[in-house]
N, C-alpha and C. Protein backbone atom coordinates (compact mmCIF):
# COMPACT_ATOMS: atom_id res chain seq x y z
N MET A 1 27.17 1.15 18.60
CA MET A 1 25.64 1.57 18.42
C MET A 1 25.37 1.66 19.86
N SER A 2 24.67 2.99 20.20
CA SER A 2 23.83 2.81 21.67
C SER A 2 22.55 2.12 21.78
N ASP A 3 22.00 2.35 22.97
CA ASP A 3 20.64 1.42 23.29
C ASP A 3 19.34 2.68 22.80
N ALA A 4 20.08 3.71 22.42
CA ALA A 4 18.93 4.55 21.80
C ALA A 4 18.91 4.56 20.18
N THR A 5 19.54 4.08 19.69
CA THR A 5 19.11 4.57 18.36
C THR A 5 19.00 2.86 17.91
N ALA A 6 18.82 2.64 16.61
CA ALA A 6 18.57 1.48 15.80
C ALA A 6 18.60 1.71 14.39
N PRO A 7 18.97 0.90 13.87
CA PRO A 7 19.25 0.94 12.32
C PRO A 7 18.02 0.70 11.44
N ALA A 8 17.59 1.38 10.47
CA ALA A 8 16.47 1.03 9.46
C ALA A 8 16.45 1.48 8.30
N LEU A 9 15.45 0.88 7.71
CA LEU A 9 15.72 0.92 6.18
C LEU A 9 14.35 1.67 5.62
N HIS A 10 14.96 2.06 4.63
CA HIS A 10 14.32 3.49 3.78
C HIS A 10 13.97 3.08 2.60
N LEU A 11 12.28 3.38 2.10
CA LEU A 11 12.53 3.31 0.73
C LEU A 11 12.95 4.62 -0.13
N THR A 12 13.87 4.53 -1.10
CA THR A 12 14.65 5.51 -1.43
C THR A 12 13.09 6.13 -2.32
N ASP A 13 13.85 7.31 -3.03
CA ASP A 13 12.84 8.03 -4.12
C ASP A 13 12.79 7.40 -5.25
N GLN A 14 14.01 6.53 -5.71
CA GLN A 14 14.47 5.78 -6.99
C GLN A 14 13.20 4.40 -6.65
N ALA A 15 13.13 4.37 -5.51
CA ALA A 15 12.09 3.11 -5.41
C ALA A 15 10.88 3.15 -5.52
N LEU A 16 10.32 4.46 -5.09
CA LEU A 16 9.07 5.19 -5.04
C LEU A 16 8.81 5.07 -6.45
N LEU A 17 9.66 6.05 -7.11
CA LEU A 17 9.49 6.32 -8.75
C LEU A 17 9.08 5.07 -9.76
N THR A 18 10.15 3.77 -9.11
CA THR A 18 9.81 2.54 -9.78
C THR A 18 8.46 2.08 -9.32
N MET A 19 8.06 2.08 -8.21
CA MET A 19 6.94 1.38 -7.44
C MET A 19 5.37 1.67 -8.62
N LEU A 20 5.90 3.44 -8.58
CA LEU A 20 4.52 3.84 -8.91
C LEU A 20 4.32 3.50 -10.64
N ALA A 21 5.71 3.59 -11.29
CA ALA A 21 6.02 3.35 -12.84
C ALA A 21 5.07 1.64 -13.12
N ALA A 22 5.80 1.09 -12.00
CA ALA A 22 5.01 -0.43 -12.52
C ALA A 22 3.52 -0.78 -11.54
N ALA A 23 3.23 -0.09 -10.96
CA ALA A 23 2.04 0.18 -10.37
C ALA A 23 1.02 0.44 -11.86
N ARG A 24 1.44 1.67 -12.50
CA ARG A 24 0.88 2.19 -13.70
C ARG A 24 0.32 1.45 -14.47
N ALA A 25 2.32 0.66 -14.98
CA ALA A 25 1.72 -0.03 -15.89
C ALA A 25 0.90 -1.56 -15.99
N MET A 26 1.25 -1.57 -14.75
CA MET A 26 0.26 -3.31 -14.65
C MET A 26 -1.48 -2.49 -14.87
N ALA A 27 -1.70 -1.51 -14.00
CA ALA A 27 -3.08 -0.61 -14.20
C ALA A 27 -3.56 -0.77 -15.38
N GLU A 28 -2.49 0.27 -16.51
CA GLU A 28 -3.04 -0.33 -17.77
C GLU A 28 -2.77 -1.30 -18.79
N ALA A 29 -2.38 -2.18 -18.04
CA ALA A 29 -2.16 -3.57 -18.99
C ALA A 29 -3.70 -4.46 -18.43
N ILE A 30 -4.36 -3.93 -17.80
CA ILE A 30 -5.53 -4.62 -17.19
C ILE A 30 -6.44 -3.81 -17.49
N GLY A 31 -6.24 -2.73 -18.19
CA GLY A 31 -7.67 -1.80 -18.81
C GLY A 31 -7.87 -1.33 -17.10
N GLN A 32 -7.43 -0.89 -16.21
CA GLN A 32 -7.97 -0.31 -14.93
C GLN A 32 -7.26 0.63 -14.19
N PRO A 33 -7.90 2.07 -14.77
CA PRO A 33 -7.19 3.12 -14.10
C PRO A 33 -7.14 2.96 -12.83
N GLN A 34 -6.33 3.29 -11.86
CA GLN A 34 -5.86 3.10 -10.27
C GLN A 34 -5.38 4.40 -9.60
N CYS A 35 -5.95 4.10 -7.94
CA CYS A 35 -4.89 5.24 -7.26
C CYS A 35 -4.34 4.58 -6.88
N ILE A 36 -3.01 4.86 -6.60
CA ILE A 36 -2.03 4.72 -5.75
C ILE A 36 -1.43 5.51 -4.94
N VAL A 37 -0.50 4.84 -3.44
CA VAL A 37 -0.63 5.55 -2.38
C VAL A 37 0.51 4.26 -2.12
N ILE A 38 2.14 4.97 -1.53
CA ILE A 38 2.87 4.46 -0.82
C ILE A 38 3.12 5.17 0.22
N VAL A 39 3.34 4.47 1.71
CA VAL A 39 3.55 4.90 2.52
C VAL A 39 4.82 4.61 3.69
N ASP A 40 5.47 4.88 4.64
CA ASP A 40 6.49 4.73 4.91
C ASP A 40 6.32 3.47 6.67
N ILE A 41 6.65 3.13 7.32
CA ILE A 41 6.44 2.46 8.20
C ILE A 41 5.59 3.15 9.35
N SER A 42 5.64 4.35 9.33
CA SER A 42 5.18 5.13 10.01
C SER A 42 3.76 5.75 9.42
N ALA A 43 3.10 5.40 8.02
CA ALA A 43 1.99 5.48 7.82
C ALA A 43 2.41 6.96 7.04
N VAL A 44 3.55 7.42 7.09
CA VAL A 44 3.22 9.21 5.98
C VAL A 44 3.45 8.61 5.03
N GLU A 45 2.52 9.25 3.97
CA GLU A 45 2.52 9.45 2.57
C GLU A 45 3.59 10.10 2.03
N LEU A 46 4.46 8.99 1.28
CA LEU A 46 5.79 9.33 0.51
C LEU A 46 5.34 9.78 -1.15
N ALA A 47 4.41 8.99 -1.55
CA ALA A 47 4.43 8.92 -2.76
C ALA A 47 2.71 8.58 -3.35
N SER A 48 1.85 9.35 -4.43
CA SER A 48 0.78 8.73 -4.72
C SER A 48 0.72 9.17 -6.42
N LEU A 49 -0.19 8.50 -6.87
CA LEU A 49 -0.73 9.04 -8.15
C LEU A 49 -2.06 8.41 -8.35
N ARG A 50 -3.35 9.61 -8.79
CA ARG A 50 -4.65 9.19 -9.17
C ARG A 50 -4.44 9.43 -10.64
N MET A 51 -4.52 7.75 -11.31
CA MET A 51 -4.40 7.77 -12.91
C MET A 51 -6.02 8.24 -13.53
N LEU A 52 -5.81 8.98 -14.70
CA LEU A 52 -6.51 9.53 -15.08
C LEU A 52 -7.49 8.56 -15.53
N GLY A 53 -9.26 8.60 -15.14
CA GLY A 53 -9.76 8.01 -14.90
C GLY A 53 -10.30 6.81 -14.08
N SER A 54 -9.44 7.28 -12.91
CA SER A 54 -9.91 6.12 -11.60
C SER A 54 -10.89 6.97 -10.50
N ARG A 55 -11.53 6.53 -10.11
CA ARG A 55 -12.83 6.79 -9.01
C ARG A 55 -11.82 7.80 -8.21
N VAL A 56 -12.95 8.76 -8.00
CA VAL A 56 -12.47 10.14 -7.24
C VAL A 56 -11.90 9.46 -6.13
N LEU A 57 -13.14 9.08 -5.13
CA LEU A 57 -12.87 8.75 -3.89
C LEU A 57 -11.84 7.50 -3.39
N SER A 58 -11.64 6.70 -4.68
CA SER A 58 -10.52 5.60 -4.25
C SER A 58 -9.34 6.23 -4.04
N LEU A 59 -8.73 7.49 -4.01
CA LEU A 59 -8.03 7.78 -3.62
C LEU A 59 -7.63 7.77 -1.96
N GLN A 60 -9.02 7.72 -1.79
CA GLN A 60 -8.88 7.81 0.17
C GLN A 60 -8.62 6.22 0.62
N SER A 61 -9.63 5.53 -0.27
CA SER A 61 -9.49 4.03 0.15
C SER A 61 -8.09 3.61 -0.08
N ALA A 62 -6.99 3.82 -1.42
CA ALA A 62 -6.18 3.56 -1.08
C ALA A 62 -4.99 3.95 0.10
N ARG A 63 -5.30 5.15 0.21
CA ARG A 63 -4.55 5.45 1.48
C ARG A 63 -4.91 4.84 2.67
N ALA A 64 -5.65 4.60 2.57
CA ALA A 64 -6.40 3.82 4.17
C ALA A 64 -5.86 2.24 3.98
N LYS A 65 -5.58 1.61 2.74
CA LYS A 65 -5.17 0.35 2.21
C LYS A 65 -3.50 0.46 2.74
N ALA A 66 -3.11 1.14 2.31
CA ALA A 66 -1.59 1.50 2.64
C ALA A 66 -1.41 1.92 4.16
N MET A 67 -1.76 2.68 4.41
CA MET A 67 -2.00 2.82 6.43
C MET A 67 -2.02 1.20 6.73
N THR A 68 -2.99 0.53 6.58
CA THR A 68 -3.73 -0.18 6.95
C THR A 68 -2.35 -1.48 7.17
N ALA A 69 -1.94 -1.79 6.01
CA ALA A 69 -0.70 -2.60 5.42
C ALA A 69 0.54 -2.02 6.20
N ALA A 70 0.77 -1.07 6.17
CA ALA A 70 2.00 -0.34 7.34
C ALA A 70 2.04 -0.51 8.53
N SER A 71 0.67 -0.07 9.24
CA SER A 71 0.68 -0.21 10.84
C SER A 71 0.52 -1.93 10.96
N THR A 72 0.02 -2.76 10.43
CA THR A 72 -0.36 -4.37 10.57
C THR A 72 0.97 -4.85 10.10
N GLY A 73 1.40 -4.32 9.12
CA GLY A 73 2.59 -5.24 8.55
C GLY A 73 1.65 -6.63 7.98
N LYS A 74 0.17 -6.58 7.67
CA LYS A 74 -0.24 -7.53 6.80
C LYS A 74 -1.09 -7.04 5.36
N PRO A 75 -1.47 -7.95 4.70
CA PRO A 75 -2.42 -7.14 3.45
C PRO A 75 -3.72 -6.49 4.03
N SER A 76 -4.18 -5.38 3.80
CA SER A 76 -5.68 -4.62 4.09
C SER A 76 -6.35 -5.91 4.53
N ALA A 77 -6.78 -6.62 3.49
CA ALA A 77 -7.72 -7.53 3.59
C ALA A 77 -7.74 -8.36 4.66
N ALA A 78 -6.41 -8.54 5.38
CA ALA A 78 -6.54 -9.48 6.46
C ALA A 78 -6.96 -8.50 8.18
N LEU A 79 -6.94 -7.77 7.99
CA LEU A 79 -7.92 -7.15 9.38
C LEU A 79 -9.35 -7.93 9.14
N PRO A 80 -9.37 -8.72 10.99
CA PRO A 80 -10.73 -9.41 10.75
C PRO A 80 -11.87 -8.71 10.73
N GLU A 81 -12.68 -9.35 10.01
CA GLU A 81 -13.86 -8.92 9.67
C GLU A 81 -14.87 -8.22 10.80
N ALA A 82 -14.63 -8.43 12.19
CA ALA A 82 -15.10 -8.74 13.61
C ALA A 82 -15.02 -6.98 13.69
N VAL A 83 -13.89 -6.41 13.43
CA VAL A 83 -13.42 -5.25 14.00
C VAL A 83 -13.16 -4.65 13.18
N ARG A 84 -13.22 -4.75 11.75
CA ARG A 84 -12.89 -3.90 10.54
C ARG A 84 -13.69 -2.01 10.93
N GLN A 85 -15.37 -2.19 11.55
CA GLN A 85 -16.12 -0.97 11.57
C GLN A 85 -15.51 -0.10 12.50
N THR A 86 -15.12 -1.21 13.73
CA THR A 86 -14.68 -0.78 15.09
C THR A 86 -13.39 0.45 14.87
N ILE A 87 -12.59 -0.13 13.83
CA ILE A 87 -11.43 0.33 13.50
C ILE A 87 -11.28 1.58 12.52
N ALA A 88 -11.78 1.23 11.45
CA ALA A 88 -11.98 2.45 10.74
C ALA A 88 -13.27 3.23 11.49
N LEU A 89 -14.00 3.02 12.70
CA LEU A 89 -14.74 4.79 12.85
C LEU A 89 -13.45 5.23 14.28
N ALA A 90 -12.92 4.48 14.61
CA ALA A 90 -11.41 4.79 15.74
C ALA A 90 -10.23 5.87 15.07
N THR A 91 -10.06 4.97 13.76
CA THR A 91 -9.39 5.71 13.19
C THR A 91 -9.31 6.79 12.36
N GLY A 92 -11.04 7.33 12.49
CA GLY A 92 -10.99 8.38 11.37
C GLY A 92 -11.53 7.79 9.59
N GLY A 93 -11.19 5.91 9.62
CA GLY A 93 -11.73 6.05 8.38
C GLY A 93 -9.80 5.78 7.85
N ALA A 94 -8.67 5.99 8.77
CA ALA A 94 -7.55 5.53 8.16
C ALA A 94 -7.28 4.13 7.99
N MET A 95 -7.93 3.50 8.50
CA MET A 95 -7.72 2.08 8.63
C MET A 95 -8.55 1.36 7.75
N THR A 96 -8.37 0.36 6.98
CA THR A 96 -9.65 -0.32 6.21
C THR A 96 -9.20 -1.78 5.77
N GLY A 97 -10.84 -2.99 6.12
CA GLY A 97 -10.42 -4.27 5.57
C GLY A 97 -10.34 -4.48 4.29
N LEU A 98 -10.99 -3.38 3.23
CA LEU A 98 -10.70 -3.33 2.18
C LEU A 98 -9.57 -4.02 1.36
N PRO A 99 -9.49 -5.14 0.60
CA PRO A 99 -8.31 -5.35 -0.25
C PRO A 99 -7.69 -4.83 -1.18
N GLY A 100 -6.36 -4.79 -1.24
CA GLY A 100 -5.22 -3.68 -2.06
C GLY A 100 -4.41 -3.00 -1.55
N GLY A 101 -4.18 -3.16 0.10
CA GLY A 101 -3.32 -3.15 0.37
C GLY A 101 -2.48 -3.82 0.87
N LEU A 102 -0.99 -3.83 0.68
CA LEU A 102 0.01 -4.56 0.53
C LEU A 102 1.29 -4.12 1.84
N PRO A 103 1.58 -4.87 2.71
CA PRO A 103 2.77 -4.36 3.49
C PRO A 103 4.38 -4.30 2.24
N ILE A 104 4.99 -3.50 2.44
CA ILE A 104 6.44 -3.76 2.24
C ILE A 104 7.50 -4.04 2.38
N ARG A 105 8.25 -5.04 2.10
CA ARG A 105 9.42 -5.78 3.32
C ARG A 105 10.47 -6.01 2.33
N PHE A 106 11.74 -5.92 2.71
CA PHE A 106 12.98 -6.25 2.64
C PHE A 106 13.36 -6.86 3.74
N ALA A 107 14.09 -8.36 3.12
CA ALA A 107 14.49 -9.50 3.88
C ALA A 107 13.58 -9.11 5.45
N GLY A 108 12.55 -9.45 5.08
CA GLY A 108 11.34 -9.60 6.33
C GLY A 108 11.58 -8.29 7.12
N GLN A 109 12.12 -7.16 6.85
CA GLN A 109 11.87 -5.95 7.57
C GLN A 109 11.13 -5.11 6.95
N LEU A 110 9.99 -4.77 7.67
CA LEU A 110 8.86 -3.82 7.19
C LEU A 110 9.39 -2.67 7.09
N VAL A 111 9.18 -1.78 5.72
CA VAL A 111 9.28 -0.75 5.68
C VAL A 111 8.50 0.31 5.13
N GLY A 112 7.34 0.05 4.88
CA GLY A 112 6.13 0.62 4.51
C GLY A 112 5.04 0.05 4.48
N GLY A 113 4.14 0.52 3.45
CA GLY A 113 2.68 -0.08 2.70
C GLY A 113 2.44 0.39 1.06
N ILE A 114 1.94 -0.51 0.73
CA ILE A 114 1.32 0.33 -0.73
C ILE A 114 0.02 -0.13 -0.88
N GLY A 115 -0.90 0.97 -1.38
CA GLY A 115 -2.57 0.74 -1.35
C GLY A 115 -2.99 1.07 -2.80
N ILE A 116 -3.83 0.24 -3.13
CA ILE A 116 -4.31 0.33 -4.63
C ILE A 116 -5.50 0.74 -4.53
N GLY A 117 -6.04 1.52 -5.28
CA GLY A 117 -7.68 1.25 -4.93
C GLY A 117 -8.47 2.41 -6.79
N SER A 118 -9.40 1.82 -7.14
CA SER A 118 -10.52 1.53 -8.12
C SER A 118 -10.83 0.78 -8.97
N GLY A 119 -10.06 -0.43 -8.38
CA GLY A 119 -10.53 -1.82 -9.64
C GLY A 119 -11.59 -2.61 -8.67
N SER A 120 -11.64 -3.68 -9.29
CA SER A 120 -12.01 -4.92 -7.88
C SER A 120 -10.90 -5.28 -6.80
N GLY A 121 -11.48 -6.07 -5.77
CA GLY A 121 -9.90 -6.06 -5.03
C GLY A 121 -8.95 -7.20 -5.65
N ALA A 122 -9.12 -7.82 -6.68
CA ALA A 122 -8.33 -8.84 -7.23
C ALA A 122 -7.50 -7.87 -8.00
N GLN A 123 -7.89 -7.09 -8.86
CA GLN A 123 -7.62 -6.00 -9.53
C GLN A 123 -6.40 -4.96 -8.66
N ASP A 124 -7.12 -4.64 -7.25
CA ASP A 124 -6.12 -3.58 -6.61
C ASP A 124 -4.68 -4.61 -6.03
N GLU A 125 -5.08 -5.60 -5.77
CA GLU A 125 -3.82 -6.42 -5.12
C GLU A 125 -3.09 -6.85 -6.41
N GLU A 126 -3.16 -7.21 -7.31
CA GLU A 126 -2.51 -7.55 -9.03
C GLU A 126 -1.29 -6.26 -9.40
N VAL A 127 -1.97 -5.04 -9.07
CA VAL A 127 -1.59 -4.11 -9.12
C VAL A 127 -0.16 -3.98 -8.17
N ALA A 128 -0.56 -4.12 -6.89
CA ALA A 128 0.24 -3.86 -6.01
C ALA A 128 1.16 -5.00 -5.88
N ARG A 129 0.86 -5.69 -6.43
CA ARG A 129 2.07 -6.66 -6.03
C ARG A 129 3.46 -6.84 -7.17
N ALA A 130 2.58 -5.89 -8.30
CA ALA A 130 3.50 -5.49 -9.68
C ALA A 130 4.85 -4.97 -8.55
N ALA A 131 3.87 -3.52 -8.27
CA ALA A 131 4.82 -2.39 -7.52
C ALA A 131 5.72 -3.25 -6.67
N LEU A 132 5.49 -4.09 -5.94
CA LEU A 132 6.71 -5.00 -4.93
C LEU A 132 7.74 -5.60 -5.85
N ALA A 133 7.25 -6.46 -6.71
CA ALA A 133 7.90 -7.10 -7.42
C ALA A 133 8.84 -6.17 -7.89
N ALA A 134 8.17 -5.39 -8.65
CA ALA A 134 9.80 -3.93 -9.44
C ALA A 134 10.75 -3.78 -8.54
N VAL A 135 10.96 -3.42 -7.24
CA VAL A 135 12.09 -2.99 -6.61
C VAL A 135 12.28 -4.72 -5.57
N GLY A 136 12.15 -5.36 -6.08
CA GLY A 136 12.74 -6.93 -5.06
C GLY A 136 12.07 -6.89 -3.66
N ALA A 137 10.97 -6.18 -3.57
CA ALA A 137 10.31 -6.63 -2.17
C ALA A 137 10.10 -8.04 -1.92
N ASP A 138 9.74 -8.39 -0.95
CA ASP A 138 9.27 -9.36 -0.57
C ASP A 138 8.10 -9.83 -1.19
N PRO A 139 7.69 -10.81 -1.48
CA PRO A 139 6.39 -11.52 -2.09
C PRO A 139 5.41 -11.15 -0.84
N VAL A 140 4.68 -11.23 -1.28
CA VAL A 140 3.19 -11.43 -0.15
C VAL A 140 2.71 -12.19 -0.31
N SER A 141 1.99 -13.62 0.79
CA SER A 141 1.22 -14.46 0.36
C SER A 141 -0.19 -14.35 0.63
């Protein structure tokens, strides 16, 4: 390998489908239709689903949660309160401190983020955790 390249992990199409299905199943189990967005390490959207009955604008917040988790490597709710408004404004709403965004890691390596929106913060995180568990991603504490 040269100094000009580095190996990288990527989410496969099958992983994306598995994560969407697991998130959908958990949302159904808790009785809360959700918006689900999965992005890669560069915050490029790879997959999304707006479940019937979810809140219309929650797709935007789910995307921002996923992008925040992918760009910071931390849950979206970990964004410090003191900078939330400034970062949201500076990024045109692409980052948020709302709960429901989790980083996606395998063996410690960050590969992207998942954002869930339309329920309470606790419901959103529960659905995101189900998606991570379905593909064997590292649990988020």
